[in-house]
N, C-alpha and C. Protein backbone atom coordinates (compact mmCIF):
# COMPACT_ATOMS: atom_id res chain seq x y z
N UNK A 1 0.79 -1.26 0.05
CA UNK A 1 0.02 0.03 0.00
C UNK A 1 0.82 1.30 -0.03
N UNK A 2 2.09 1.13 0.63
CA UNK A 2 2.94 2.30 0.67
C UNK A 2 3.31 2.67 -0.81
N UNK A 3 3.24 1.61 -1.68
CA UNK A 3 3.72 1.95 -3.09
C UNK A 3 2.71 2.93 -3.70
N UNK A 4 1.38 2.83 -3.37
CA UNK A 4 0.28 3.66 -3.96
C UNK A 4 0.49 4.98 -3.43
N UNK A 5 0.86 5.13 -2.12
CA UNK A 5 1.04 6.46 -1.52
C UNK A 5 2.29 7.15 -2.24
N UNK A 6 3.23 6.36 -2.51
CA UNK A 6 4.48 6.93 -3.22
C UNK A 6 4.09 7.36 -4.64
N UNK A 7 3.26 6.55 -5.21
CA UNK A 7 2.80 6.83 -6.71
C UNK A 7 1.99 8.12 -6.57
N UNK A 8 1.14 8.14 -5.70
CA UNK A 8 0.22 9.35 -5.50
C UNK A 8 1.11 10.67 -5.32
N UNK A 9 2.09 10.54 -4.46
CA UNK A 9 2.92 11.61 -4.27
C UNK A 9 3.80 12.10 -5.48
N UNK A 10 4.16 11.10 -6.23
CA UNK A 10 5.02 11.48 -7.43
C UNK A 10 3.97 11.99 -8.52
N UNK A 11 2.80 11.51 -8.55
CA UNK A 11 1.78 12.03 -9.50
C UNK A 11 1.41 13.46 -9.17
N UNK A 12 1.39 13.78 -7.85
CA UNK A 12 1.15 15.17 -7.42
C UNK A 12 2.35 16.00 -7.82
N UNK A 13 3.57 15.56 -7.82
CA UNK A 13 4.71 16.33 -8.24
C UNK A 13 4.66 16.56 -9.77
N UNK A 14 4.18 15.62 -10.53
CA UNK A 14 4.17 15.79 -11.97
C UNK A 14 3.15 16.80 -12.29
N UNK A 15 2.06 16.89 -11.57
CA UNK A 15 1.06 17.86 -11.94
C UNK A 15 1.52 19.26 -11.64
N UNK A 16 2.33 19.30 -10.59
CA UNK A 16 3.01 20.61 -10.29
C UNK A 16 2.36 21.27 -9.11
N UNK A 17 3.08 22.23 -8.53
CA UNK A 17 2.61 22.84 -7.40
C UNK A 17 1.41 23.71 -7.72
N UNK A 18 0.34 23.44 -6.84
CA UNK A 18 -0.91 24.30 -7.19
C UNK A 18 -1.26 24.98 -5.69
N UNK A 19 -1.82 26.14 -5.85
CA UNK A 19 -2.22 26.68 -4.58
C UNK A 19 -3.56 26.04 -4.05
N UNK A 20 -3.85 26.13 -2.86
CA UNK A 20 -5.05 25.43 -2.32
C UNK A 20 -6.35 25.76 -3.02
N UNK A 21 -6.49 26.88 -3.56
CA UNK A 21 -7.73 27.25 -4.35
C UNK A 21 -7.78 26.75 -5.71
N UNK A 22 -6.67 26.43 -6.28
CA UNK A 22 -6.54 25.93 -7.67
C UNK A 22 -6.98 24.56 -7.81
N UNK A 23 -7.73 24.17 -8.82
CA UNK A 23 -8.24 22.72 -9.04
C UNK A 23 -7.30 22.04 -9.95
N UNK A 24 -7.15 20.76 -9.78
CA UNK A 24 -6.37 20.02 -10.63
C UNK A 24 -7.21 19.53 -11.83
N UNK A 25 -6.54 19.08 -12.89
CA UNK A 25 -7.32 18.63 -14.03
C UNK A 25 -8.19 17.45 -13.75
N UNK A 26 -9.25 17.30 -14.54
CA UNK A 26 -10.18 16.09 -14.36
C UNK A 26 -9.49 14.75 -14.38
N UNK A 27 -8.58 14.60 -15.25
CA UNK A 27 -7.82 13.33 -15.45
C UNK A 27 -7.04 12.99 -14.18
N UNK A 28 -6.45 13.99 -13.54
CA UNK A 28 -5.68 13.77 -12.30
C UNK A 28 -6.67 13.34 -11.20
N UNK A 29 -7.79 14.06 -11.15
CA UNK A 29 -8.74 13.71 -10.12
C UNK A 29 -9.40 12.33 -10.29
N UNK A 30 -9.52 11.88 -11.55
CA UNK A 30 -9.95 10.63 -11.86
C UNK A 30 -8.97 9.51 -11.35
N UNK A 31 -7.70 9.83 -11.57
CA UNK A 31 -6.68 8.93 -11.08
C UNK A 31 -6.62 8.83 -9.53
N UNK A 32 -6.87 10.00 -8.90
CA UNK A 32 -6.80 9.98 -7.47
C UNK A 32 -8.00 9.09 -6.96
N UNK A 33 -9.20 9.28 -7.58
CA UNK A 33 -10.33 8.49 -7.28
C UNK A 33 -10.05 6.96 -7.43
N UNK A 34 -9.31 6.59 -8.44
CA UNK A 34 -9.03 5.19 -8.68
C UNK A 34 -8.11 4.68 -7.58
N UNK A 35 -7.12 5.48 -7.16
CA UNK A 35 -6.29 5.20 -6.07
C UNK A 35 -7.05 4.99 -4.70
N UNK A 36 -8.00 5.91 -4.52
CA UNK A 36 -8.86 5.79 -3.35
C UNK A 36 -9.61 4.47 -3.31
N UNK A 37 -10.23 4.01 -4.49
CA UNK A 37 -10.87 2.88 -4.65
C UNK A 37 -9.95 1.66 -4.28
N UNK A 38 -8.79 1.72 -4.80
CA UNK A 38 -7.79 0.58 -4.51
C UNK A 38 -7.53 0.59 -2.96
N UNK A 39 -7.25 1.73 -2.35
CA UNK A 39 -6.89 1.84 -0.98
C UNK A 39 -8.06 1.16 -0.14
N UNK A 40 -9.35 1.56 -0.49
CA UNK A 40 -10.44 1.15 0.31
C UNK A 40 -10.71 -0.32 0.05
N UNK A 41 -10.36 -0.96 -1.09
CA UNK A 41 -10.68 -2.33 -1.34
C UNK A 41 -9.69 -3.28 -0.81
N UNK A 42 -8.57 -2.81 -0.38
CA UNK A 42 -7.47 -3.74 0.08
C UNK A 42 -7.85 -4.36 1.51
N UNK A 43 -7.56 -5.62 1.64
CA UNK A 43 -7.83 -6.21 2.95
C UNK A 43 -6.70 -5.73 3.95
N UNK A 44 -7.13 -5.43 5.19
CA UNK A 44 -6.26 -4.90 6.19
C UNK A 44 -6.40 -5.56 7.48
N UNK A 45 -5.39 -5.50 8.32
CA UNK A 45 -5.45 -6.14 9.62
C UNK A 45 -6.35 -5.31 10.64
N UNK A 46 -6.48 -4.00 10.41
CA UNK A 46 -7.39 -3.21 11.27
C UNK A 46 -7.94 -2.03 10.55
N UNK A 47 -9.02 -1.46 11.06
CA UNK A 47 -9.65 -0.28 10.49
C UNK A 47 -8.72 0.92 10.59
N UNK A 48 -7.89 0.94 11.56
CA UNK A 48 -6.92 2.10 11.68
C UNK A 48 -5.93 2.11 10.43
N UNK A 49 -5.54 0.92 10.03
CA UNK A 49 -4.62 0.98 8.89
C UNK A 49 -5.27 1.59 7.60
N UNK A 50 -6.63 1.18 7.45
CA UNK A 50 -7.37 1.79 6.34
C UNK A 50 -7.53 3.25 6.44
N UNK A 51 -7.77 3.77 7.64
CA UNK A 51 -7.98 5.22 7.94
C UNK A 51 -6.53 5.90 7.59
N UNK A 52 -5.51 5.37 8.09
CA UNK A 52 -4.19 5.97 7.87
C UNK A 52 -3.86 6.08 6.39
N UNK A 53 -4.13 5.01 5.63
CA UNK A 53 -3.77 4.92 4.23
C UNK A 53 -4.64 5.85 3.41
N UNK A 54 -5.84 6.02 3.86
CA UNK A 54 -6.85 6.75 3.09
C UNK A 54 -6.68 8.26 3.33
N UNK A 55 -5.96 8.62 4.35
CA UNK A 55 -5.92 10.13 4.77
C UNK A 55 -5.43 10.96 3.68
N UNK A 56 -4.31 10.67 3.03
CA UNK A 56 -3.68 11.53 2.05
C UNK A 56 -4.51 11.63 0.87
N UNK A 57 -5.23 10.52 0.53
CA UNK A 57 -6.09 10.56 -0.73
C UNK A 57 -7.17 11.43 -0.44
N UNK A 58 -7.83 11.35 0.70
CA UNK A 58 -8.93 12.27 1.00
C UNK A 58 -8.57 13.63 1.08
N UNK A 59 -7.38 13.91 1.61
CA UNK A 59 -6.86 15.32 1.68
C UNK A 59 -6.67 15.89 0.25
N UNK A 60 -6.09 15.10 -0.60
CA UNK A 60 -5.88 15.56 -2.06
C UNK A 60 -7.19 15.86 -2.76
N UNK A 61 -8.07 14.90 -2.58
CA UNK A 61 -9.44 15.11 -3.18
C UNK A 61 -10.16 16.25 -2.79
N UNK A 62 -10.02 16.49 -1.43
CA UNK A 62 -10.83 17.65 -0.92
C UNK A 62 -10.13 18.98 -1.31
N UNK A 63 -8.78 19.05 -1.19
CA UNK A 63 -8.15 20.35 -1.45
C UNK A 63 -8.02 20.58 -2.94
N UNK A 64 -7.78 19.65 -3.82
CA UNK A 64 -7.42 19.93 -5.25
C UNK A 64 -8.49 19.49 -6.15
N UNK A 65 -9.46 18.66 -5.82
CA UNK A 65 -10.42 18.22 -6.75
C UNK A 65 -11.83 18.72 -6.35
N UNK A 66 -11.96 19.28 -5.26
CA UNK A 66 -13.30 19.79 -4.78
C UNK A 66 -14.32 18.75 -4.37
N UNK A 67 -13.77 17.53 -4.14
CA UNK A 67 -14.71 16.37 -3.71
C UNK A 67 -14.97 16.60 -2.18
N UNK A 68 -16.32 16.41 -1.80
CA UNK A 68 -16.68 16.52 -0.46
C UNK A 68 -16.30 15.13 0.26
N UNK A 69 -15.30 15.08 1.13
CA UNK A 69 -14.88 13.98 1.80
C UNK A 69 -15.16 14.00 3.32
N UNK A 70 -16.11 14.75 3.79
CA UNK A 70 -16.48 15.01 5.14
C UNK A 70 -17.01 13.64 5.78
N UNK A 71 -17.78 12.94 5.04
CA UNK A 71 -18.36 11.64 5.50
C UNK A 71 -17.27 10.61 5.77
N UNK A 72 -16.30 10.49 4.86
CA UNK A 72 -15.24 9.50 5.00
C UNK A 72 -14.33 9.91 6.14
N UNK A 73 -14.05 11.32 6.27
CA UNK A 73 -13.16 11.73 7.23
C UNK A 73 -13.90 11.53 8.67
N UNK A 74 -15.13 11.76 8.73
CA UNK A 74 -15.91 11.55 10.00
C UNK A 74 -15.85 9.99 10.36
N UNK A 75 -15.96 9.16 9.33
CA UNK A 75 -15.84 7.69 9.72
C UNK A 75 -14.49 7.35 10.18
N UNK A 76 -13.54 7.93 9.58
CA UNK A 76 -12.05 7.75 9.98
C UNK A 76 -11.89 8.23 11.45
N UNK A 77 -12.39 9.41 11.74
CA UNK A 77 -12.31 10.04 13.05
C UNK A 77 -12.91 9.13 14.14
N UNK A 78 -14.07 8.58 13.79
CA UNK A 78 -14.67 7.57 14.73
C UNK A 78 -13.79 6.41 15.02
N UNK A 79 -13.14 5.95 13.93
CA UNK A 79 -12.23 4.79 14.12
C UNK A 79 -11.09 5.22 15.07
N UNK A 80 -10.49 6.34 14.85
CA UNK A 80 -9.47 6.78 15.66
C UNK A 80 -9.80 6.98 17.12
N UNK A 81 -10.99 7.63 17.30
CA UNK A 81 -11.55 7.80 18.72
C UNK A 81 -11.88 6.52 19.34
N UNK A 82 -12.36 5.53 18.67
CA UNK A 82 -12.64 4.23 19.29
C UNK A 82 -11.31 3.52 19.74
N UNK A 83 -10.22 3.73 18.87
CA UNK A 83 -8.96 3.15 19.27
C UNK A 83 -8.30 3.86 20.46
N UNK A 84 -8.57 5.23 20.55
CA UNK A 84 -7.94 5.84 21.69
C UNK A 84 -8.67 5.65 23.03
N UNK A 85 -9.92 5.25 23.00
CA UNK A 85 -10.65 4.97 24.27
C UNK A 85 -10.61 3.53 24.66
N UNK A 86 -9.86 2.70 24.03
CA UNK A 86 -9.71 1.35 24.43
C UNK A 86 -8.92 1.32 25.76
N UNK A 87 -9.28 0.28 26.52
CA UNK A 87 -8.63 0.13 27.79
C UNK A 87 -7.16 -0.19 27.61
N UNK A 88 -6.39 0.55 28.42
CA UNK A 88 -4.99 0.35 28.41
C UNK A 88 -4.73 -0.61 29.57
N UNK A 89 -3.73 -1.43 29.42
CA UNK A 89 -3.36 -2.36 30.49
C UNK A 89 -2.90 -1.53 31.79
N UNK A 90 -3.37 -2.06 32.95
CA UNK A 90 -3.04 -1.29 34.17
C UNK A 90 -1.60 -1.14 34.30
N UNK A 91 -1.21 -0.12 34.92
CA UNK A 91 0.24 0.18 35.28
C UNK A 91 0.82 -0.80 36.16
N UNK A 92 2.08 -1.11 36.02
CA UNK A 92 2.75 -2.02 36.87
C UNK A 92 2.78 -1.36 38.32
N UNK A 93 2.38 -2.13 39.30
CA UNK A 93 2.47 -1.47 40.70
C UNK A 93 3.81 -1.30 41.04
N UNK A 94 4.03 -0.35 41.94
CA UNK A 94 5.27 0.01 42.46
C UNK A 94 5.88 -1.06 43.25
N UNK A 95 7.24 -1.15 43.30
CA UNK A 95 7.76 -2.22 44.17
C UNK A 95 7.45 -2.04 45.59
N UNK A 96 7.31 -3.10 46.42
CA UNK A 96 7.02 -2.97 47.75
C UNK A 96 8.22 -2.25 48.46
N UNK A 97 8.03 -1.59 49.50
CA UNK A 97 9.04 -0.94 50.19
C UNK A 97 10.18 -1.78 50.62
N UNK A 98 11.39 -1.36 50.65
CA UNK A 98 12.49 -2.14 51.10
C UNK A 98 12.62 -2.07 52.69
N UNK A 99 12.71 -3.22 53.20
CA UNK A 99 12.86 -3.38 54.71
C UNK A 99 14.27 -3.44 55.07
N UNK A 100 14.72 -2.54 55.95
CA UNK A 100 16.17 -2.67 56.36
C UNK A 100 16.25 -2.90 57.84
N UNK A 101 17.29 -3.69 58.18
CA UNK A 101 17.48 -3.97 59.62
C UNK A 101 18.92 -3.65 59.91
N UNK A 102 19.21 -2.87 60.93
CA UNK A 102 20.56 -2.54 61.39
C UNK A 102 20.92 -3.44 62.60
N UNK A 103 21.91 -4.15 62.49
CA UNK A 103 22.36 -5.03 63.63
C UNK A 103 23.74 -4.56 64.03
N UNK A 104 23.89 -4.31 65.30
CA UNK A 104 25.20 -3.95 65.84
C UNK A 104 26.24 -5.08 65.75
N UNK A 105 27.50 -4.75 65.46
CA UNK A 105 28.55 -5.75 65.46
C UNK A 105 29.08 -5.83 66.84
N UNK A 106 29.77 -6.94 67.16
CA UNK A 106 30.21 -7.28 68.45
C UNK A 106 31.44 -6.28 68.74
N UNK A 107 32.19 -6.00 67.68
CA UNK A 107 33.44 -5.17 67.89
C UNK A 107 33.18 -3.73 67.38
N UNK A 108 32.09 -3.22 67.48
CA UNK A 108 31.79 -1.85 67.03
C UNK A 108 31.25 -1.78 65.65
N UNK A 109 30.62 -0.73 65.35
CA UNK A 109 29.96 -0.47 64.00
C UNK A 109 28.66 -1.23 63.99
N UNK A 110 28.13 -1.34 62.75
CA UNK A 110 26.84 -2.15 62.58
C UNK A 110 26.71 -2.55 61.15
N UNK A 111 25.86 -3.50 61.02
CA UNK A 111 25.57 -4.06 59.71
C UNK A 111 24.14 -3.75 59.32
N UNK A 112 23.90 -3.29 58.08
CA UNK A 112 22.53 -3.03 57.58
C UNK A 112 22.18 -4.06 56.54
N UNK A 113 21.13 -4.79 56.79
CA UNK A 113 20.71 -5.81 55.78
C UNK A 113 19.37 -5.22 55.27
N UNK A 114 19.23 -5.23 54.06
CA UNK A 114 17.96 -4.79 53.43
C UNK A 114 17.33 -5.97 52.60
N UNK A 115 16.08 -6.13 52.65
CA UNK A 115 15.40 -7.23 51.87
C UNK A 115 14.08 -6.77 51.51
């Protein structure tokens, strides 16, 4: 899938730098739609992968082709929110306190044993 993102990026460079208000030609927008279809049809291990791969395509369609992608972006936002609210494993509890015992020596001084 990274190959398609790379192709899409190179395709954008070939079209040239355009300002946000400037629309790309229809054939370029058609190619971006084809890439979006490929990205959406690929089997994935998780919905988050699909949302991550689709992000750049949706951004280009909205900014340069005038396509309304709000519904797809809202679906991807729901996926990200559901992943962020998943339960996280509880933190490892702190070590129990160290117990130390000071024992006097027979010839002066002392010994401290901690366990």
